[in-house]
Amino acid sequence: MGQKRKLTKGQQRRIHANQAKRLARRDTEETQVWSEEQLGPLQPGRVVSRFGQHADILDADANIYRCNIRRAVQSLVTGDKVAWRKAPTQEQGMQGVVEAVEERESELCRPDIYDGLKPVAANIEQIFIVSSPQPAFSDQIIDRYLVACEDAGIQPIIVMNKTDLMTPDEAEFIQERLSVYQRMGYSVVRASAATGEGIEELRQCFIGKISVLVGQSGVGKSSLIDKTLPEVSLLIGDISVNSGLGQHTTTVARWYPLNEGGALIDSPGIREFGLWHMSAERITQGFVDFHPFLGTCKFRDCRHDTDPGCALQQAVAEGKLDARRLANFHRIIDSLEKS
């Protein structure tokens, strides 16, 4: 099959304009079901999930209402804090109207053919970066996620899953790499869904926080959810059955409340988020162990490779900076320049 023909920018603008007109017309038709006087007072809510021009909103009493979204609300994603109004009756499946969205404290984005970067979840407080010996352990992937976390201002927690599957040689190497992150101040949890190692420690980490799990396919994210957050695992199963779809067949992000406080935001799209069109400068800043040496290179445009007078290379030679971290930095830069 031949490749799909890419749309020109003019065609993309016309498609956007037509979509905006249709959504505006539908927005007007749907929200006029109730008059302003019929709608209840403004109240705070949290977006559980977003579906086109509708959203499921969680109220202060843990009830969920499906609501229309006002046209003035330009962007709305799972995790957003909103102001909404309850309707007196349910009409066409709708139970209220989202009037406004609060400023986000953080957001995760993915690439979009029309918008470049599109937010998929908001107000996340911590990201669990899950790795394992099978598939092969990769500190480069961990470093990619750490850069994304630092750039988004979200606290990362590194989880080494499937510890029961490590060979002695793997265990020695992985322990050495994890110790590098611990010396930098990152939290590291060793876990095994099979043996139960670290499960209670993980459970405690989730309490009272809005969290996301990320990592390569096959590292055991679903198994960790099953063992650590059984209440979430049951909800995911119920949603899959009720929708008639298989587990994780949708990319729609969803908010799952935790019994002891906090929430997990989950979807395949979030689980595999990464570095999207970040500049070399932002990536460099995402390596927190580089910070003491940045700005001290001989040349301002130093690429921290074979440049003479490079402070980062000097720091590696003196044992003040981890050599693999610098090598991973260059692999990330090279991969983005080639994409």
Protein backbone atom coordinates (compact mmCIF):
# COMPACT_ATOMS: atom_id res chain seq x y z
CA MET A 1 0.00 0.00 0.00
CA GLY A 2 1.24 3.50 -0.80
CA GLN A 3 1.83 6.13 1.85
CA LYS A 4 -1.00 8.48 2.71
CA ARG A 5 -0.63 11.88 1.10
CA LYS A 6 0.26 14.53 3.68
CA LEU A 7 -2.15 17.45 3.97
CA THR A 8 -0.89 20.92 3.20
CA LYS A 9 -1.06 23.55 5.92
CA GLY A 10 -3.88 25.25 4.03
CA GLN A 11 -5.89 22.03 3.91
CA GLN A 12 -5.25 21.46 7.62
CA ARG A 13 -6.49 25.00 8.42
CA ARG A 14 -9.68 24.47 6.39
CA ILE A 15 -10.34 21.15 8.14
CA HIS A 16 -9.82 22.82 11.51
CA ALA A 17 -12.15 25.69 10.57
CA ASN A 18 -14.91 23.34 9.40
CA GLN A 19 -14.58 21.22 12.54
CA ALA A 20 -14.74 24.34 14.72
CA LYS A 21 -17.94 25.48 12.98
CA ARG A 22 -19.60 22.09 13.44
CA LEU A 23 -18.55 21.90 17.10
CA ALA A 24 -19.72 25.46 17.76
CA ARG A 25 -23.11 24.73 16.19
CA ARG A 26 -23.48 21.53 18.19
CA ASP A 27 -22.32 23.27 21.37
CA THR A 28 -25.00 25.94 20.96
CA GLU A 29 -27.73 23.42 20.20
CA GLU A 30 -26.88 21.18 23.17
CA THR A 31 -26.27 23.76 25.89
CA GLN A 32 -29.51 25.57 25.02
CA VAL A 33 -31.42 22.51 26.27
CA TRP A 34 -31.35 24.28 29.65
CA SER A 35 -31.68 28.00 30.29
CA GLU A 36 -29.10 29.76 32.44
CA GLU A 37 -31.67 30.02 35.24
CA GLN A 38 -32.23 26.25 35.23
CA LEU A 39 -28.58 25.33 35.71
CA GLY A 40 -27.31 24.99 39.27
CA PRO A 41 -24.56 27.10 40.87
CA LEU A 42 -20.93 26.79 39.87
CA GLN A 43 -19.10 24.01 41.71
CA PRO A 44 -15.61 22.51 41.53
CA GLY A 45 -15.03 19.24 39.72
CA ARG A 46 -12.34 17.03 38.24
CA VAL A 47 -12.26 15.64 34.69
CA VAL A 48 -12.46 11.84 34.80
CA SER A 49 -12.36 11.47 31.02
CA ARG A 50 -12.98 13.50 27.87
CA PHE A 51 -15.04 12.39 24.86
CA GLY A 52 -15.23 14.97 22.05
CA GLN A 53 -17.42 17.83 23.32
CA HIS A 54 -18.43 15.91 26.44
CA ALA A 55 -16.60 15.10 29.66
CA ASP A 56 -17.24 12.96 32.73
CA ILE A 57 -16.87 15.17 35.81
CA LEU A 58 -16.21 13.99 39.36
CA ASP A 59 -17.85 16.13 42.04
CA ALA A 60 -16.86 16.66 45.68
CA ASP A 61 -19.04 13.71 46.77
CA ALA A 62 -17.36 11.27 44.32
CA ASN A 63 -20.35 11.27 41.95
CA ILE A 64 -19.71 11.33 38.18
CA TYR A 65 -21.76 13.46 35.77
CA ARG A 66 -21.51 13.54 31.98
CA CYS A 67 -21.43 17.16 30.87
CA ASN A 68 -21.37 19.33 27.78
CA ILE A 69 -18.30 21.54 27.41
CA ARG A 70 -18.73 25.25 26.72
CA ARG A 71 -17.15 26.40 23.49
CA ALA A 72 -15.06 28.95 25.43
CA VAL A 73 -13.20 26.06 27.10
CA GLN A 74 -10.36 25.67 24.60
CA SER A 75 -8.64 22.62 26.09
CA LEU A 76 -9.88 20.00 28.52
CA VAL A 77 -8.15 16.74 29.48
CA THR A 78 -8.29 14.10 32.18
CA GLY A 79 -7.09 15.51 35.50
CA ASP A 80 -8.17 19.09 34.81
CA LYS A 81 -9.85 21.00 37.64
CA VAL A 82 -13.03 22.65 36.36
CA ALA A 83 -15.97 24.83 37.33
CA TRP A 84 -19.23 23.20 36.22
CA ARG A 85 -22.99 23.50 36.72
CA LYS A 86 -25.42 20.68 37.32
CA ALA A 87 -28.53 20.45 35.12
CA PRO A 88 -32.04 20.03 36.59
CA THR A 89 -32.74 17.01 34.38
CA GLN A 90 -30.80 14.60 32.19
CA GLU A 91 -31.23 15.49 28.52
CA GLN A 92 -29.69 13.51 25.65
CA GLY A 93 -27.49 11.75 28.21
CA MET A 94 -26.08 15.03 29.54
CA GLN A 95 -26.28 16.03 33.20
CA GLY A 96 -24.50 19.37 33.33
CA VAL A 97 -22.22 21.92 31.67
CA VAL A 98 -18.48 22.59 32.10
CA GLU A 99 -18.09 26.36 32.25
CA ALA A 100 -14.35 26.90 32.85
CA VAL A 101 -11.06 25.12 33.51
CA GLU A 102 -8.45 26.10 36.10
CA GLU A 103 -4.81 26.74 35.22
CA ARG A 104 -2.82 23.49 35.08
CA GLU A 105 0.01 22.74 37.48
CA SER A 106 1.49 20.22 35.04
CA GLU A 107 0.57 18.43 31.82
CA LEU A 108 1.64 15.51 29.67
CA CYS A 109 1.53 15.86 25.89
CA ARG A 110 1.72 13.66 22.80
CA PRO A 111 2.38 14.58 19.15
CA ASP A 112 -0.65 15.48 17.02
CA ILE A 113 -0.78 15.75 13.22
CA TYR A 114 -2.65 19.07 13.40
CA ASP A 115 -1.64 20.70 16.68
CA GLY A 116 1.99 19.62 17.03
CA LEU A 117 1.71 18.85 20.74
CA LYS A 118 -1.60 17.86 22.29
CA PRO A 119 -2.12 17.60 26.08
CA VAL A 120 -3.53 14.25 27.21
CA ALA A 121 -3.51 14.59 31.01
CA ALA A 122 -3.12 17.40 33.54
CA ASN A 123 -2.16 18.11 37.16
CA ILE A 124 -0.11 14.93 37.57
CA GLU A 125 2.08 14.97 40.69
CA GLN A 126 4.31 11.93 40.16
CA ILE A 127 5.31 9.53 37.39
CA PHE A 128 6.40 5.96 38.05
CA ILE A 129 9.04 5.01 35.47
CA VAL A 130 8.78 1.22 35.25
CA SER A 131 11.71 -0.85 33.97
CA SER A 132 12.58 -4.54 34.11
CA PRO A 133 15.30 -7.03 33.05
CA GLN A 134 12.89 -8.49 30.46
CA PRO A 135 12.71 -6.88 27.95
CA ALA A 136 16.36 -5.87 28.31
CA PHE A 137 17.07 -3.21 30.93
CA SER A 138 17.72 0.20 29.35
CA ASP A 139 18.98 3.14 31.35
CA GLN A 140 18.71 5.22 28.16
CA ILE A 141 14.92 4.83 28.28
CA ILE A 142 14.94 5.74 31.97
CA ASP A 143 16.95 8.85 31.14
CA ARG A 144 14.45 9.80 28.41
CA TYR A 145 11.58 9.62 30.88
CA LEU A 146 13.55 11.51 33.53
CA VAL A 147 14.16 14.35 31.07
CA ALA A 148 10.44 14.45 30.23
CA CYS A 149 9.56 14.51 33.94
CA GLU A 150 12.02 17.29 34.70
CA ASP A 151 10.74 19.30 31.74
CA ALA A 152 7.12 18.90 32.86
CA GLY A 153 7.95 19.60 36.51
CA ILE A 154 6.62 16.23 37.69
CA GLN A 155 8.27 14.10 40.39
CA PRO A 156 9.68 10.82 38.97
CA ILE A 157 9.91 7.52 40.85
CA ILE A 158 11.99 4.77 39.22
CA VAL A 159 10.52 1.28 39.62
CA MET A 160 12.69 -1.75 38.90
CA ASN A 161 10.10 -4.48 38.30
CA LYS A 162 10.56 -8.26 37.86
CA THR A 163 13.51 -8.37 40.26
CA ASP A 164 12.90 -12.11 40.57
CA LEU A 165 13.95 -12.59 36.93
CA MET A 166 17.42 -11.02 37.24
CA THR A 167 20.48 -13.17 36.68
CA PRO A 168 23.44 -12.49 39.04
CA ASP A 169 25.26 -10.54 36.30
CA GLU A 170 22.15 -8.49 35.47
CA ALA A 171 21.53 -7.80 39.15
CA GLU A 172 25.06 -6.42 39.62
CA PHE A 173 24.87 -4.16 36.55
CA ILE A 174 21.34 -2.93 37.26
CA GLN A 175 22.16 -2.23 40.90
CA GLU A 176 25.15 -0.13 39.81
CA ARG A 177 22.95 1.88 37.43
CA LEU A 178 20.15 2.37 39.97
CA SER A 179 22.67 3.59 42.55
CA VAL A 180 23.60 6.40 40.13
CA TYR A 181 20.00 7.65 40.18
CA GLN A 182 19.77 7.30 43.95
CA ARG A 183 22.92 9.39 44.42
CA MET A 184 21.26 12.06 42.27
CA GLY A 185 18.31 12.11 44.66
CA TYR A 186 15.78 10.12 42.64
CA SER A 187 13.53 7.63 44.44
CA VAL A 188 14.04 4.00 43.38
CA VAL A 189 11.73 1.11 44.26
CA ARG A 190 12.60 -2.53 43.57
CA ALA A 191 9.52 -4.63 42.98
CA SER A 192 8.15 -7.94 41.77
CA ALA A 193 4.50 -8.62 41.07
CA ALA A 194 5.37 -12.34 41.22
CA THR A 195 7.02 -12.41 44.67
CA GLY A 196 5.39 -9.34 46.22
CA GLU A 197 8.70 -7.54 46.79
CA GLY A 198 8.19 -3.78 47.02
CA ILE A 199 4.41 -3.92 46.50
CA GLU A 200 3.53 -2.40 49.88
CA GLU A 201 6.24 0.26 49.43
CA LEU A 202 4.70 1.16 46.06
CA ARG A 203 1.22 1.23 47.57
CA GLN A 204 2.38 3.81 50.11
CA CYS A 205 3.91 5.94 47.33
CA PHE A 206 0.52 6.21 45.58
CA ILE A 207 -1.47 7.41 48.62
CA GLY A 208 -2.73 10.97 48.29
CA LYS A 209 -0.96 11.61 44.97
CA ILE A 210 -2.12 11.91 41.35
CA SER A 211 0.06 9.41 39.52
CA VAL A 212 0.88 7.92 36.13
CA LEU A 213 2.80 4.74 35.21
CA VAL A 214 5.05 4.80 32.14
CA GLY A 215 7.51 2.39 30.58
CA GLN A 216 8.19 0.11 27.65
CA SER A 217 5.70 -2.52 26.63
CA GLY A 218 6.36 -5.74 28.53
CA VAL A 219 7.90 -4.28 31.69
CA GLY A 220 4.86 -5.30 33.73
CA LYS A 221 2.89 -2.07 34.28
CA SER A 222 -0.47 -3.87 34.23
CA SER A 223 0.77 -6.54 36.65
CA LEU A 224 1.95 -3.85 39.06
CA ILE A 225 -1.46 -2.16 38.88
CA ASP A 226 -3.15 -5.50 39.57
CA LYS A 227 -1.02 -6.13 42.68
CA THR A 228 -0.57 -2.60 43.98
CA LEU A 229 -3.92 -1.00 43.11
CA PRO A 230 -6.52 -3.79 42.93
CA GLU A 231 -9.36 -1.24 43.12
CA VAL A 232 -8.06 0.32 39.88
CA SER A 233 -7.58 -3.06 38.20
CA LEU A 234 -11.24 -3.90 38.92
CA LEU A 235 -12.42 -0.56 37.51
CA ILE A 236 -10.38 -1.02 34.32
CA GLY A 237 -11.92 -4.47 33.89
CA ASP A 238 -15.45 -3.18 34.45
CA ILE A 239 -15.01 -0.37 31.92
CA SER A 240 -13.64 -2.80 29.32
CA VAL A 241 -16.58 -5.18 29.80
CA ASN A 242 -19.22 -2.45 29.82
CA SER A 243 -17.86 -0.83 26.67
CA GLY A 244 -17.63 -4.13 24.84
CA LEU A 245 -13.97 -3.46 24.18
CA GLY A 246 -10.89 -5.38 25.24
CA GLN A 247 -8.67 -4.09 28.01
CA HIS A 248 -6.64 -0.99 27.02
CA THR A 249 -8.13 -0.84 23.51
CA THR A 250 -8.79 2.90 23.85
CA THR A 251 -6.30 5.76 24.05
CA VAL A 252 -8.71 7.92 26.09
CA ALA A 253 -7.08 8.82 29.39
CA ARG A 254 -9.15 8.07 32.49
CA TRP A 255 -9.02 9.07 36.15
CA TYR A 256 -9.16 6.18 38.65
CA PRO A 257 -9.67 7.20 42.32
CA LEU A 258 -7.68 5.30 44.95
CA ASN A 259 -9.26 3.95 48.13
CA GLU A 260 -6.72 5.67 50.39
CA GLY A 261 -6.72 8.99 48.53
CA GLY A 262 -5.15 10.16 45.30
CA ALA A 263 -5.72 8.81 41.81
CA LEU A 264 -4.11 6.99 38.91
CA ILE A 265 -4.49 8.43 35.42
CA ASP A 266 -4.10 5.69 32.86
CA SER A 267 -4.19 5.02 29.12
CA PRO A 268 -1.81 3.44 26.60
CA GLY A 269 -1.14 6.89 25.14
CA ILE A 270 0.08 8.18 28.50
CA ARG A 271 2.00 5.03 29.37
CA GLU A 272 4.26 5.53 26.35
CA PHE A 273 4.68 9.29 26.31
CA GLY A 274 8.17 10.60 25.67
CA LEU A 275 10.22 13.50 24.31
CA TRP A 276 8.35 15.31 21.55
CA HIS A 277 10.21 17.98 19.58
CA MET A 278 12.13 19.23 22.60
CA SER A 279 15.05 21.53 21.94
CA ALA A 280 18.59 20.46 22.76
CA GLU A 281 18.70 23.14 25.46
CA ARG A 282 15.60 21.78 27.22
CA ILE A 283 16.95 18.23 27.03
CA THR A 284 20.25 19.39 28.53
CA GLN A 285 18.40 21.06 31.40
CA GLY A 286 16.53 17.79 31.98
CA PHE A 287 19.82 16.15 33.05
CA VAL A 288 19.94 17.53 36.59
CA ASP A 289 23.43 16.16 37.25
CA PHE A 290 24.73 18.38 34.41
CA HIS A 291 23.63 21.58 36.15
CA PRO A 292 26.80 22.25 38.22
CA PHE A 293 28.90 22.20 35.03
CA LEU A 294 26.65 23.98 32.53
CA GLY A 295 27.84 27.41 31.48
CA THR A 296 31.46 26.63 32.33
CA CYS A 297 32.55 25.14 28.99
CA LYS A 298 35.20 27.00 26.99
CA PHE A 299 32.77 27.73 24.15
CA ARG A 300 29.18 28.90 24.60
CA ASP A 301 27.93 26.66 21.76
CA CYS A 302 29.68 23.56 23.15
CA ARG A 303 27.92 20.32 22.16
CA HIS A 304 29.53 18.45 25.07
CA ASP A 305 31.05 15.87 22.74
CA THR A 306 34.61 16.25 21.44
CA ASP A 307 34.61 20.02 21.83
CA PRO A 308 37.81 21.39 23.42
CA GLY A 309 37.33 22.73 26.92
CA CYS A 310 34.04 20.90 27.53
CA ALA A 311 33.21 21.02 31.24
CA LEU A 312 30.99 17.93 31.06
CA GLN A 313 33.69 15.81 29.44
CA GLN A 314 36.16 17.07 32.04
CA ALA A 315 33.72 16.16 34.82
CA VAL A 316 33.44 12.60 33.44
CA ALA A 317 37.25 12.32 33.30
CA GLU A 318 37.47 13.43 36.93
CA GLY A 319 34.75 11.02 38.08
CA LYS A 320 32.34 13.81 38.96
CA LEU A 321 29.79 12.85 36.28
CA ASP A 322 28.54 9.44 35.17
CA ALA A 323 29.90 8.53 31.71
CA ARG A 324 26.79 6.55 30.68
CA ARG A 325 24.53 9.49 31.52
CA LEU A 326 26.53 11.71 29.15
CA ALA A 327 26.49 8.97 26.47
CA ASN A 328 22.71 8.63 26.85
CA PHE A 329 22.36 12.39 26.52
CA HIS A 330 24.12 12.25 23.14
CA ARG A 331 21.96 9.31 21.99
CA ILE A 332 18.83 11.31 22.80
CA ILE A 333 20.09 14.39 20.98
CA ASP A 334 21.13 12.30 17.96
CA SER A 335 17.77 10.50 17.79
CA LEU A 336 15.81 13.74 17.84
CA GLU A 337 18.02 15.34 15.21
CA LYS A 338 17.42 12.34 12.91
CA SER A 339 13.65 12.25 13.45
